[in-house]
Amino acid sequence: MGDNIIFVETDKMDELLEIVMRQTDYSKEKAQLELCKHNYNHILVIKEYLGITDKKVQPKSTNQEIYTQLRYKLNSALDEYNSRNENDKKIKN
């Protein structure tokens, strides 16, 4: 039925509880509950407490991607052209 079983060492659990309790104002019981809720990932517990959410990357439209690639290509071509001209000037002098 999709129940996940996670084994956590008791000394590791105590360490995770201490980390969560130091970074938040959770009691030991609340910290245990939150760790269980987040599959014993202390980072996620602290992020949720602080209200930090993951940024959602918005996909670019086809036109935006085309113009991004064009700008990149033109910039790199211009850089190559400028470096060749500098080298030519150094050789002539």
N, C-alpha and C. Protein backbone atom coordinates (compact mmCIF):
# COMPACT_ATOMS: atom_id res chain seq x y z
N MET A 1 0.80 -1.18 0.00
CA MET A 1 0.00 0.00 0.00
C MET A 1 0.85 1.25 0.00
N GLY A 2 2.16 1.16 -0.06
CA GLY A 2 2.98 2.34 -0.18
C GLY A 2 3.48 2.91 1.14
N ASP A 3 3.41 2.15 2.23
CA ASP A 3 3.97 2.65 3.49
C ASP A 3 5.47 2.60 3.43
N ASN A 4 6.10 3.70 3.76
CA ASN A 4 7.56 3.75 3.76
C ASN A 4 8.05 3.48 5.17
N ILE A 5 9.03 2.59 5.27
CA ILE A 5 9.63 2.29 6.56
C ILE A 5 11.04 2.87 6.53
N ILE A 6 11.34 3.69 7.53
CA ILE A 6 12.65 4.32 7.61
C ILE A 6 13.28 3.92 8.93
N PHE A 7 14.51 3.44 8.86
CA PHE A 7 15.25 3.09 10.06
C PHE A 7 16.24 4.19 10.38
N VAL A 8 16.16 4.71 11.60
CA VAL A 8 17.06 5.76 12.03
C VAL A 8 17.70 5.30 13.33
N GLU A 9 19.02 5.38 13.40
CA GLU A 9 19.72 4.99 14.61
C GLU A 9 19.34 5.93 15.74
N THR A 10 19.25 5.41 16.96
CA THR A 10 18.80 6.23 18.08
C THR A 10 19.77 7.37 18.37
N ASP A 11 21.08 7.12 18.26
CA ASP A 11 22.02 8.22 18.51
C ASP A 11 21.96 9.25 17.39
N LYS A 12 21.69 8.81 16.18
CA LYS A 12 21.52 9.74 15.07
C LYS A 12 20.23 10.55 15.25
N MET A 13 19.19 9.89 15.75
CA MET A 13 17.92 10.56 16.02
C MET A 13 18.11 11.64 17.06
N ASP A 14 18.84 11.34 18.13
CA ASP A 14 19.11 12.33 19.16
C ASP A 14 19.88 13.52 18.59
N GLU A 15 20.82 13.24 17.71
CA GLU A 15 21.61 14.31 17.08
C GLU A 15 20.71 15.19 16.21
N LEU A 16 19.83 14.56 15.43
CA LEU A 16 18.91 15.32 14.59
C LEU A 16 17.96 16.17 15.43
N LEU A 17 17.49 15.60 16.54
CA LEU A 17 16.60 16.35 17.44
C LEU A 17 17.32 17.57 18.00
N GLU A 18 18.55 17.39 18.41
CA GLU A 18 19.32 18.50 18.97
C GLU A 18 19.51 19.61 17.93
N ILE A 19 19.80 19.21 16.69
CA ILE A 19 19.99 20.20 15.63
C ILE A 19 18.72 21.00 15.41
N VAL A 20 17.59 20.29 15.31
CA VAL A 20 16.31 20.97 15.06
C VAL A 20 15.95 21.86 16.23
N MET A 21 16.15 21.39 17.45
CA MET A 21 15.78 22.19 18.63
C MET A 21 16.67 23.42 18.78
N ARG A 22 17.94 23.32 18.36
CA ARG A 22 18.83 24.49 18.42
C ARG A 22 18.43 25.55 17.42
N GLN A 23 17.98 25.13 16.25
CA GLN A 23 17.68 26.08 15.18
C GLN A 23 16.24 26.60 15.22
N THR A 24 15.38 25.95 16.00
CA THR A 24 13.98 26.36 16.10
C THR A 24 13.63 26.51 17.58
N ASP A 25 12.37 26.85 17.84
CA ASP A 25 11.93 26.87 19.23
C ASP A 25 10.99 25.70 19.52
N TYR A 26 11.16 24.59 18.76
CA TYR A 26 10.33 23.41 18.95
C TYR A 26 10.73 22.67 20.21
N SER A 27 9.74 22.06 20.86
CA SER A 27 10.02 21.17 21.98
C SER A 27 10.50 19.84 21.40
N LYS A 28 10.93 18.95 22.27
CA LYS A 28 11.44 17.66 21.80
C LYS A 28 10.34 16.87 21.08
N GLU A 29 9.14 16.91 21.61
CA GLU A 29 8.03 16.18 21.00
C GLU A 29 7.67 16.76 19.63
N LYS A 30 7.60 18.09 19.55
CA LYS A 30 7.28 18.76 18.29
C LYS A 30 8.38 18.49 17.26
N ALA A 31 9.64 18.51 17.68
CA ALA A 31 10.76 18.24 16.78
C ALA A 31 10.68 16.81 16.25
N GLN A 32 10.34 15.85 17.12
CA GLN A 32 10.19 14.46 16.68
C GLN A 32 9.07 14.34 15.65
N LEU A 33 7.97 15.00 15.91
CA LEU A 33 6.83 14.96 15.01
C LEU A 33 7.19 15.54 13.64
N GLU A 34 7.87 16.70 13.64
CA GLU A 34 8.25 17.34 12.39
C GLU A 34 9.29 16.51 11.63
N LEU A 35 10.23 15.91 12.35
CA LEU A 35 11.22 15.06 11.69
C LEU A 35 10.55 13.86 11.04
N CYS A 36 9.61 13.28 11.74
CA CYS A 36 8.87 12.13 11.19
C CYS A 36 8.10 12.56 9.94
N LYS A 37 7.50 13.73 10.00
CA LYS A 37 6.71 14.25 8.87
C LYS A 37 7.58 14.47 7.63
N HIS A 38 8.84 14.86 7.84
CA HIS A 38 9.75 15.17 6.73
C HIS A 38 10.77 14.06 6.50
N ASN A 39 10.43 12.82 6.86
CA ASN A 39 11.30 11.65 6.64
C ASN A 39 12.69 11.84 7.25
N TYR A 40 12.74 12.44 8.41
CA TYR A 40 13.97 12.63 9.19
C TYR A 40 15.01 13.48 8.46
N ASN A 41 14.54 14.41 7.67
CA ASN A 41 15.43 15.36 7.00
C ASN A 41 15.38 16.67 7.79
N HIS A 42 16.42 16.91 8.59
CA HIS A 42 16.42 18.07 9.48
C HIS A 42 16.47 19.39 8.70
N ILE A 43 17.07 19.38 7.52
CA ILE A 43 17.14 20.59 6.70
C ILE A 43 15.73 21.04 6.30
N LEU A 44 14.90 20.08 5.86
CA LEU A 44 13.53 20.43 5.46
C LEU A 44 12.72 20.95 6.64
N VAL A 45 12.94 20.39 7.83
CA VAL A 45 12.22 20.85 9.02
C VAL A 45 12.57 22.30 9.31
N ILE A 46 13.85 22.61 9.26
CA ILE A 46 14.31 23.97 9.56
C ILE A 46 13.84 24.94 8.49
N LYS A 47 13.89 24.53 7.22
CA LYS A 47 13.43 25.40 6.15
C LYS A 47 11.94 25.71 6.30
N GLU A 48 11.15 24.69 6.65
CA GLU A 48 9.72 24.93 6.84
C GLU A 48 9.48 25.88 8.01
N TYR A 49 10.25 25.73 9.08
CA TYR A 49 10.11 26.60 10.24
C TYR A 49 10.42 28.05 9.87
N LEU A 50 11.46 28.25 9.05
CA LEU A 50 11.86 29.60 8.65
C LEU A 50 11.02 30.15 7.50
N GLY A 51 10.19 29.31 6.90
CA GLY A 51 9.34 29.77 5.81
C GLY A 51 10.04 29.85 4.48
N ILE A 52 11.11 29.10 4.31
CA ILE A 52 11.86 29.11 3.06
C ILE A 52 11.23 28.10 2.11
N THR A 53 10.90 28.55 0.91
CA THR A 53 10.33 27.66 -0.09
C THR A 53 11.30 27.54 -1.25
N ASP A 54 11.19 26.43 -1.96
CA ASP A 54 12.05 26.22 -3.13
C ASP A 54 11.58 27.11 -4.26
N LYS A 55 12.53 27.66 -4.99
CA LYS A 55 12.19 28.51 -6.13
C LYS A 55 11.73 27.63 -7.28
N LYS A 56 10.69 28.08 -7.95
CA LYS A 56 10.21 27.36 -9.11
C LYS A 56 10.80 28.01 -10.35
N VAL A 57 11.45 27.21 -11.16
CA VAL A 57 12.07 27.71 -12.38
C VAL A 57 11.00 27.73 -13.46
N GLN A 58 10.77 28.92 -14.00
CA GLN A 58 9.78 29.02 -15.06
C GLN A 58 10.43 28.69 -16.39
N PRO A 59 9.81 27.82 -17.16
CA PRO A 59 10.40 27.47 -18.45
C PRO A 59 10.35 28.65 -19.41
N LYS A 60 11.37 28.74 -20.21
CA LYS A 60 11.43 29.82 -21.20
C LYS A 60 10.58 29.44 -22.40
N SER A 61 10.04 30.46 -23.04
CA SER A 61 9.31 30.19 -24.29
C SER A 61 10.35 29.92 -25.37
N THR A 62 9.88 29.43 -26.48
CA THR A 62 10.79 29.12 -27.58
C THR A 62 11.49 30.37 -28.08
N ASN A 63 10.75 31.46 -28.20
CA ASN A 63 11.36 32.71 -28.67
C ASN A 63 12.41 33.23 -27.70
N GLN A 64 12.14 33.14 -26.40
CA GLN A 64 13.12 33.59 -25.41
C GLN A 64 14.40 32.77 -25.52
N GLU A 65 14.27 31.47 -25.70
CA GLU A 65 15.44 30.61 -25.82
C GLU A 65 16.21 30.92 -27.09
N ILE A 66 15.53 31.17 -28.18
CA ILE A 66 16.19 31.49 -29.45
C ILE A 66 17.01 32.77 -29.30
N TYR A 67 16.41 33.81 -28.73
CA TYR A 67 17.12 35.08 -28.58
C TYR A 67 18.26 34.98 -27.56
N THR A 68 18.08 34.16 -26.55
CA THR A 68 19.17 33.95 -25.60
C THR A 68 20.37 33.32 -26.31
N GLN A 69 20.11 32.30 -27.12
CA GLN A 69 21.19 31.64 -27.85
C GLN A 69 21.84 32.57 -28.87
N LEU A 70 21.04 33.38 -29.54
CA LEU A 70 21.59 34.35 -30.49
C LEU A 70 22.51 35.35 -29.80
N ARG A 71 22.04 35.88 -28.65
CA ARG A 71 22.88 36.84 -27.90
C ARG A 71 24.19 36.19 -27.48
N TYR A 72 24.11 34.96 -27.00
CA TYR A 72 25.32 34.26 -26.56
C TYR A 72 26.29 34.08 -27.73
N LYS A 73 25.76 33.65 -28.87
CA LYS A 73 26.60 33.41 -30.04
C LYS A 73 27.24 34.70 -30.53
N LEU A 74 26.45 35.79 -30.60
CA LEU A 74 26.99 37.07 -31.06
C LEU A 74 28.03 37.62 -30.09
N ASN A 75 27.81 37.48 -28.80
CA ASN A 75 28.79 37.95 -27.82
C ASN A 75 30.09 37.18 -27.93
N SER A 76 30.00 35.87 -28.09
CA SER A 76 31.23 35.09 -28.21
C SER A 76 31.96 35.43 -29.50
N ALA A 77 31.22 35.66 -30.60
CA ALA A 77 31.85 36.03 -31.87
C ALA A 77 32.55 37.39 -31.74
N LEU A 78 31.90 38.34 -31.07
CA LEU A 78 32.49 39.66 -30.87
C LEU A 78 33.76 39.57 -30.02
N ASP A 79 33.73 38.75 -28.98
CA ASP A 79 34.92 38.57 -28.14
C ASP A 79 36.08 37.98 -28.95
N GLU A 80 35.79 37.00 -29.79
CA GLU A 80 36.83 36.41 -30.64
C GLU A 80 37.40 37.44 -31.61
N TYR A 81 36.53 38.23 -32.21
CA TYR A 81 36.95 39.27 -33.15
C TYR A 81 37.86 40.28 -32.46
N ASN A 82 37.46 40.74 -31.28
CA ASN A 82 38.27 41.71 -30.55
C ASN A 82 39.63 41.15 -30.15
N SER A 83 39.67 39.91 -29.73
CA SER A 83 40.96 39.32 -29.35
C SER A 83 41.86 39.15 -30.57
N ARG A 84 41.29 38.78 -31.72
CA ARG A 84 42.10 38.68 -32.94
C ARG A 84 42.66 40.03 -33.35
N ASN A 85 41.84 41.09 -33.24
CA ASN A 85 42.32 42.43 -33.59
C ASN A 85 43.43 42.88 -32.66
N GLU A 86 43.31 42.59 -31.37
CA GLU A 86 44.37 42.94 -30.43
C GLU A 86 45.65 42.22 -30.78
N ASN A 87 45.55 40.96 -31.13
CA ASN A 87 46.74 40.17 -31.48
C ASN A 87 47.37 40.71 -32.76
N ASP A 88 46.56 41.09 -33.73
CA ASP A 88 47.06 41.65 -34.98
C ASP A 88 47.80 42.96 -34.73
N LYS A 89 47.24 43.80 -33.86
CA LYS A 89 47.89 45.08 -33.55
C LYS A 89 49.23 44.87 -32.84
N LYS A 90 49.30 43.87 -31.98
CA LYS A 90 50.54 43.58 -31.27
C LYS A 90 51.60 43.08 -32.23
N ILE A 91 51.19 42.29 -33.19
CA ILE A 91 52.15 41.74 -34.17
C ILE A 91 52.68 42.84 -35.08
N LYS A 92 51.82 43.78 -35.49
CA LYS A 92 52.23 44.87 -36.37
C LYS A 92 53.19 45.83 -35.68
N ASN A 93 53.03 45.99 -34.39
CA ASN A 93 53.89 46.94 -33.65
C ASN A 93 55.11 46.27 -33.22
